[in-house]
Amino acid sequence: MSHILFCVTPTPGHVNPLILLAKHLHSRGHGILFQTADVFKSQIEAAGLEFTALEGLANHDHRESKKIWPELATAEPGIHCRVAVSL
């Protein structure tokens, strides 16, 4: 079987769905290494998956994001595209 690395942005909206996918693949015999922030370690290990932590600022608690990056407090929500398209 395959060995698969899940390297996941440390937010619940990214981690939670991928835990389900990783669990499914693990149940089919694939080796899984799940890499994200330490805040998700117990959740990942409870799912029976091997965990490894991200390094540096990537290994942060998503609930503290505005303290780490204060500019997020005043940023508009959503993704903003600044590319002009001409038809």
C-alpha atoms as a PDB file:
ATOM      1  CA  MET A   1       0.000   0.000   0.000  1.00  0.00           C
ATOM      2  CA  SER A   2       0.933   3.657  -0.258  1.00  0.00           C
ATOM      3  CA  HIS A   3       2.414   6.000   2.317  1.00  0.00           C
ATOM      4  CA  ILE A   4       0.546   9.320   2.276  1.00  0.00           C
ATOM      5  CA  LEU A   5       1.435  12.656   3.885  1.00  0.00           C
ATOM      6  CA  PHE A   6      -1.418  15.000   4.728  1.00  0.00           C
ATOM      7  CA  CYS A   7       0.140  18.445   5.306  1.00  0.00           C
ATOM      8  CA  VAL A   8      -2.818  20.557   6.366  1.00  0.00           C
ATOM      9  CA  THR A   9      -3.412  24.256   7.066  1.00  0.00           C
ATOM     10  CA  PRO A  10      -4.103  24.403  10.818  1.00  0.00           C
ATOM     11  CA  THR A  11      -7.740  25.464  10.854  1.00  0.00           C
ATOM     12  CA  PRO A  12     -10.757  23.268  11.659  1.00  0.00           C
ATOM     13  CA  GLY A  13     -12.253  23.802   8.203  1.00  0.00           C
ATOM     14  CA  HIS A  14      -9.180  22.233   6.631  1.00  0.00           C
ATOM     15  CA  VAL A  15      -8.231  19.657   9.273  1.00  0.00           C
ATOM     16  CA  ASN A  16     -11.619  18.094  10.089  1.00  0.00           C
ATOM     17  CA  PRO A  17     -12.617  16.969   6.575  1.00  0.00           C
ATOM     18  CA  LEU A  18      -9.131  15.663   5.852  1.00  0.00           C
ATOM     19  CA  ILE A  19      -9.092  13.603   9.050  1.00  0.00           C
ATOM     20  CA  LEU A  20     -12.130  11.758   7.674  1.00  0.00           C
ATOM     21  CA  LEU A  21     -10.387  11.127   4.361  1.00  0.00           C
ATOM     22  CA  ALA A  22      -7.159  10.074   6.081  1.00  0.00           C
ATOM     23  CA  LYS A  23      -9.079   7.671   8.362  1.00  0.00           C
ATOM     24  CA  HIS A  24     -10.743   6.089   5.347  1.00  0.00           C
ATOM     25  CA  LEU A  25      -7.440   5.607   3.536  1.00  0.00           C
ATOM     26  CA  HIS A  26      -5.847   4.251   6.722  1.00  0.00           C
ATOM     27  CA  SER A  27      -8.685   1.730   7.075  1.00  0.00           C
ATOM     28  CA  ARG A  28      -7.882   0.564   3.537  1.00  0.00           C
ATOM     29  CA  GLY A  29      -4.299  -0.205   4.570  1.00  0.00           C
ATOM     30  CA  HIS A  30      -2.481   2.956   3.555  1.00  0.00           C
ATOM     31  CA  GLY A  31       0.159   4.449   5.831  1.00  0.00           C
ATOM     32  CA  ILE A  32      -0.829   7.966   6.869  1.00  0.00           C
ATOM     33  CA  LEU A  33       1.274  10.745   8.362  1.00  0.00           C
ATOM     34  CA  PHE A  34      -0.849  13.776   9.260  1.00  0.00           C
ATOM     35  CA  GLN A  35       1.050  17.055   9.634  1.00  0.00           C
ATOM     36  CA  THR A  36      -0.562  20.163  11.058  1.00  0.00           C
ATOM     37  CA  ALA A  37      -0.379  22.307  14.231  1.00  0.00           C
ATOM     38  CA  ASP A  38      -0.001  20.814  17.710  1.00  0.00           C
ATOM     39  CA  VAL A  39      -3.457  22.081  18.682  1.00  0.00           C
ATOM     40  CA  PHE A  40      -4.939  19.214  16.597  1.00  0.00           C
ATOM     41  CA  LYS A  41      -2.594  16.467  17.858  1.00  0.00           C
ATOM     42  CA  SER A  42      -5.017  14.727  20.239  1.00  0.00           C
ATOM     43  CA  GLN A  43      -7.825  14.793  17.657  1.00  0.00           C
ATOM     44  CA  ILE A  44      -5.605  13.226  15.002  1.00  0.00           C
ATOM     45  CA  GLU A  45      -4.178  10.579  17.314  1.00  0.00           C
ATOM     46  CA  ALA A  46      -7.709   9.750  18.570  1.00  0.00           C
ATOM     47  CA  ALA A  47      -8.569   9.003  14.936  1.00  0.00           C
ATOM     48  CA  GLY A  48      -5.771   6.419  14.919  1.00  0.00           C
ATOM     49  CA  LEU A  49      -3.472   8.468  12.698  1.00  0.00           C
ATOM     50  CA  GLU A  50       0.204   9.237  13.085  1.00  0.00           C
ATOM     51  CA  PHE A  51       0.827  12.930  13.842  1.00  0.00           C
ATOM     52  CA  THR A  52       3.759  15.222  13.187  1.00  0.00           C
ATOM     53  CA  ALA A  53       3.808  18.947  13.924  1.00  0.00           C
ATOM     54  CA  LEU A  54       4.362  21.806  11.544  1.00  0.00           C
ATOM     55  CA  GLU A  55       7.366  23.994  12.371  1.00  0.00           C
ATOM     56  CA  GLY A  56       7.812  27.691  13.110  1.00  0.00           C
ATOM     57  CA  LEU A  57       4.877  30.088  12.737  1.00  0.00           C
ATOM     58  CA  ALA A  58       2.985  27.439  10.778  1.00  0.00           C
ATOM     59  CA  ASN A  59       2.553  25.563  14.070  1.00  0.00           C
ATOM     60  CA  HIS A  60       0.084  28.003  15.596  1.00  0.00           C
ATOM     61  CA  ASP A  61      -3.261  27.836  17.340  1.00  0.00           C
ATOM     62  CA  HIS A  62      -5.846  29.116  14.855  1.00  0.00           C
ATOM     63  CA  ARG A  63      -7.734  30.759  17.733  1.00  0.00           C
ATOM     64  CA  GLU A  64      -4.724  33.053  18.258  1.00  0.00           C
ATOM     65  CA  SER A  65      -4.312  34.105  14.603  1.00  0.00           C
ATOM     66  CA  LYS A  66      -5.251  37.750  15.173  1.00  0.00           C
ATOM     67  CA  LYS A  67      -2.610  38.036  17.915  1.00  0.00           C
ATOM     68  CA  ILE A  68       0.050  36.603  15.593  1.00  0.00           C
ATOM     69  CA  TRP A  69      -1.096  38.598  12.556  1.00  0.00           C
ATOM     70  CA  PRO A  70      -2.856  41.739  13.890  1.00  0.00           C
ATOM     71  CA  GLU A  71      -3.676  42.937  10.365  1.00  0.00           C
ATOM     72  CA  LEU A  72      -6.303  40.173  10.205  1.00  0.00           C
ATOM     73  CA  ALA A  73      -8.410  42.134  12.692  1.00  0.00           C
ATOM     74  CA  THR A  74      -9.114  44.805  10.063  1.00  0.00           C
ATOM     75  CA  ALA A  75      -8.988  42.692   6.901  1.00  0.00           C
ATOM     76  CA  GLU A  76     -12.145  42.277   4.853  1.00  0.00           C
ATOM     77  CA  PRO A  77     -13.492  38.714   4.903  1.00  0.00           C
ATOM     78  CA  GLY A  78     -13.167  36.461   1.889  1.00  0.00           C
ATOM     79  CA  ILE A  79     -10.714  36.187  -0.946  1.00  0.00           C
ATOM     80  CA  HIS A  80     -10.206  39.324  -2.981  1.00  0.00           C
ATOM     81  CA  CYS A  81      -8.860  39.100  -6.490  1.00  0.00           C
ATOM     82  CA  ARG A  82      -7.025  42.154  -7.730  1.00  0.00           C
ATOM     83  CA  VAL A  83      -6.433  40.921 -11.266  1.00  0.00           C
ATOM     84  CA  ALA A  84      -8.022  42.916 -14.050  1.00  0.00           C
ATOM     85  CA  VAL A  85      -9.635  40.783 -16.702  1.00  0.00           C
ATOM     86  CA  SER A  86     -10.390  42.158 -20.129  1.00  0.00           C
ATOM     87  CA  LEU A  87     -12.607  40.386 -22.601  1.00  0.00           C
END
